[in-house]
Amino acid sequence: MAFLWLEWNLQKIDNHGLSFEEVESAWQNRVDLVRRVHPVNGEYWESRGKCPSGRRITIIWRYDELVGSEETQVFVITTY
């Protein structure tokens, strides 16, 4: 699964002392806890995963479809 990383979400995960590599690794081994629906932004997920360092994190994310493509990416909203 491809991830969509922007300066915005990279800064948010950096604020919690995480790199995109750690988040992607934790996401690959995640347990989905809750599916939620935001009234404006739509569906998103709250998941838990374990980084290679052993740190357990919560990942707030959603699927993001690429315009003009059938490919879907993971957009990480934040982690902690």
C-alpha atoms as a PDB file:
ATOM      1  CA  MET A   1       0.000   0.000   0.000  1.00  0.00           C
ATOM      2  CA  ALA A   2       1.321   3.424  -0.936  1.00  0.00           C
ATOM      3  CA  PHE A   3       1.268   6.302   1.535  1.00  0.00           C
ATOM      4  CA  LEU A   4       0.540   9.959   0.825  1.00  0.00           C
ATOM      5  CA  TRP A   5       3.039  12.053   2.768  1.00  0.00           C
ATOM      6  CA  LEU A   6       2.831  15.840   2.740  1.00  0.00           C
ATOM      7  CA  GLU A   7       4.717  18.403   4.795  1.00  0.00           C
ATOM      8  CA  TRP A   8       1.548  18.752   6.899  1.00  0.00           C
ATOM      9  CA  ASN A   9       1.316  15.143   8.100  1.00  0.00           C
ATOM     10  CA  LEU A  10       5.094  14.671   8.243  1.00  0.00           C
ATOM     11  CA  GLN A  11       5.263  17.585  10.687  1.00  0.00           C
ATOM     12  CA  LYS A  12       2.449  16.104  12.777  1.00  0.00           C
ATOM     13  CA  ILE A  13       4.195  12.748  13.184  1.00  0.00           C
ATOM     14  CA  ASP A  14       7.542  14.465  13.797  1.00  0.00           C
ATOM     15  CA  ASN A  15       5.879  16.363  16.668  1.00  0.00           C
ATOM     16  CA  HIS A  16       5.333  12.944  18.273  1.00  0.00           C
ATOM     17  CA  GLY A  17       8.921  11.809  17.679  1.00  0.00           C
ATOM     18  CA  LEU A  18       8.117   9.468  14.781  1.00  0.00           C
ATOM     19  CA  SER A  19       9.431   9.046  11.242  1.00  0.00           C
ATOM     20  CA  PHE A  20       7.348   8.022   8.254  1.00  0.00           C
ATOM     21  CA  GLU A  21       9.248   4.717   8.126  1.00  0.00           C
ATOM     22  CA  GLU A  22       8.200   3.902  11.696  1.00  0.00           C
ATOM     23  CA  VAL A  23       4.579   4.807  10.999  1.00  0.00           C
ATOM     24  CA  GLU A  24       4.447   2.767   7.778  1.00  0.00           C
ATOM     25  CA  SER A  25       5.929  -0.249   9.547  1.00  0.00           C
ATOM     26  CA  ALA A  26       3.452   0.038  12.431  1.00  0.00           C
ATOM     27  CA  TRP A  27       0.574   0.447   9.947  1.00  0.00           C
ATOM     28  CA  GLN A  28       1.560  -2.772   8.138  1.00  0.00           C
ATOM     29  CA  ASN A  29       1.218  -4.666  11.448  1.00  0.00           C
ATOM     30  CA  ARG A  30      -1.767  -2.747  12.771  1.00  0.00           C
ATOM     31  CA  VAL A  31      -4.899  -3.757  14.590  1.00  0.00           C
ATOM     32  CA  ASP A  32      -7.863  -1.632  13.538  1.00  0.00           C
ATOM     33  CA  LEU A  33      -9.675  -0.410  16.624  1.00  0.00           C
ATOM     34  CA  VAL A  34     -12.376   1.992  15.502  1.00  0.00           C
ATOM     35  CA  ARG A  35     -13.901   3.159  12.227  1.00  0.00           C
ATOM     36  CA  ARG A  36     -15.258   6.679  12.520  1.00  0.00           C
ATOM     37  CA  VAL A  37     -17.001   9.123  10.220  1.00  0.00           C
ATOM     38  CA  HIS A  38     -16.220  12.830  10.340  1.00  0.00           C
ATOM     39  CA  PRO A  39     -19.206  14.964   9.228  1.00  0.00           C
ATOM     40  CA  VAL A  40     -17.108  16.903   6.704  1.00  0.00           C
ATOM     41  CA  ASN A  41     -14.058  14.753   5.881  1.00  0.00           C
ATOM     42  CA  GLY A  42     -15.728  11.334   5.834  1.00  0.00           C
ATOM     43  CA  GLU A  43     -14.486   7.958   7.011  1.00  0.00           C
ATOM     44  CA  TYR A  44     -11.268   7.468   8.942  1.00  0.00           C
ATOM     45  CA  TRP A  45      -9.721   4.775  11.122  1.00  0.00           C
ATOM     46  CA  GLU A  46      -8.023   4.605  14.485  1.00  0.00           C
ATOM     47  CA  SER A  47      -5.501   1.759  14.559  1.00  0.00           C
ATOM     48  CA  ARG A  48      -2.681   0.551  16.787  1.00  0.00           C
ATOM     49  CA  GLY A  49       0.636  -0.798  15.621  1.00  0.00           C
ATOM     50  CA  LYS A  50       4.135  -1.550  16.805  1.00  0.00           C
ATOM     51  CA  CYS A  51       7.194   0.272  15.460  1.00  0.00           C
ATOM     52  CA  PRO A  52      10.433  -1.661  14.790  1.00  0.00           C
ATOM     53  CA  SER A  53      11.804  -0.097  18.005  1.00  0.00           C
ATOM     54  CA  GLY A  54       9.007  -1.764  19.969  1.00  0.00           C
ATOM     55  CA  ARG A  55       7.104   1.475  20.546  1.00  0.00           C
ATOM     56  CA  ARG A  56       3.338   1.016  20.261  1.00  0.00           C
ATOM     57  CA  ILE A  57       1.533   3.859  18.554  1.00  0.00           C
ATOM     58  CA  THR A  58      -1.981   4.897  17.628  1.00  0.00           C
ATOM     59  CA  ILE A  59      -2.425   5.869  13.977  1.00  0.00           C
ATOM     60  CA  ILE A  60      -5.324   8.004  12.754  1.00  0.00           C
ATOM     61  CA  TRP A  61      -5.637   7.494   8.995  1.00  0.00           C
ATOM     62  CA  ARG A  62      -7.932   7.251   5.983  1.00  0.00           C
ATOM     63  CA  TYR A  63      -7.848   5.870   2.478  1.00  0.00           C
ATOM     64  CA  ASP A  64      -7.242   8.499  -0.183  1.00  0.00           C
ATOM     65  CA  GLU A  65      -8.061   7.719  -3.810  1.00  0.00           C
ATOM     66  CA  LEU A  66      -5.784   9.168  -6.456  1.00  0.00           C
ATOM     67  CA  VAL A  67      -7.589  11.389  -8.915  1.00  0.00           C
ATOM     68  CA  GLY A  68      -7.873   9.692 -12.319  1.00  0.00           C
ATOM     69  CA  SER A  69      -6.618   6.372 -10.988  1.00  0.00           C
ATOM     70  CA  GLU A  70      -8.016   3.263  -9.372  1.00  0.00           C
ATOM     71  CA  GLU A  71      -5.080   3.258  -6.920  1.00  0.00           C
ATOM     72  CA  THR A  72      -5.738   4.018  -3.270  1.00  0.00           C
ATOM     73  CA  GLN A  73      -3.230   5.501  -0.837  1.00  0.00           C
ATOM     74  CA  VAL A  74      -3.093   5.679   2.930  1.00  0.00           C
ATOM     75  CA  PHE A  75      -3.226   9.230   4.281  1.00  0.00           C
ATOM     76  CA  VAL A  76      -1.975   9.420   7.876  1.00  0.00           C
ATOM     77  CA  ILE A  77      -3.763  12.221   9.725  1.00  0.00           C
ATOM     78  CA  THR A  78      -1.731  11.917  12.927  1.00  0.00           C
ATOM     79  CA  THR A  79      -0.040   9.448  15.255  1.00  0.00           C
ATOM     80  CA  TYR A  80       0.714   9.327  18.930  1.00  0.00           C
END
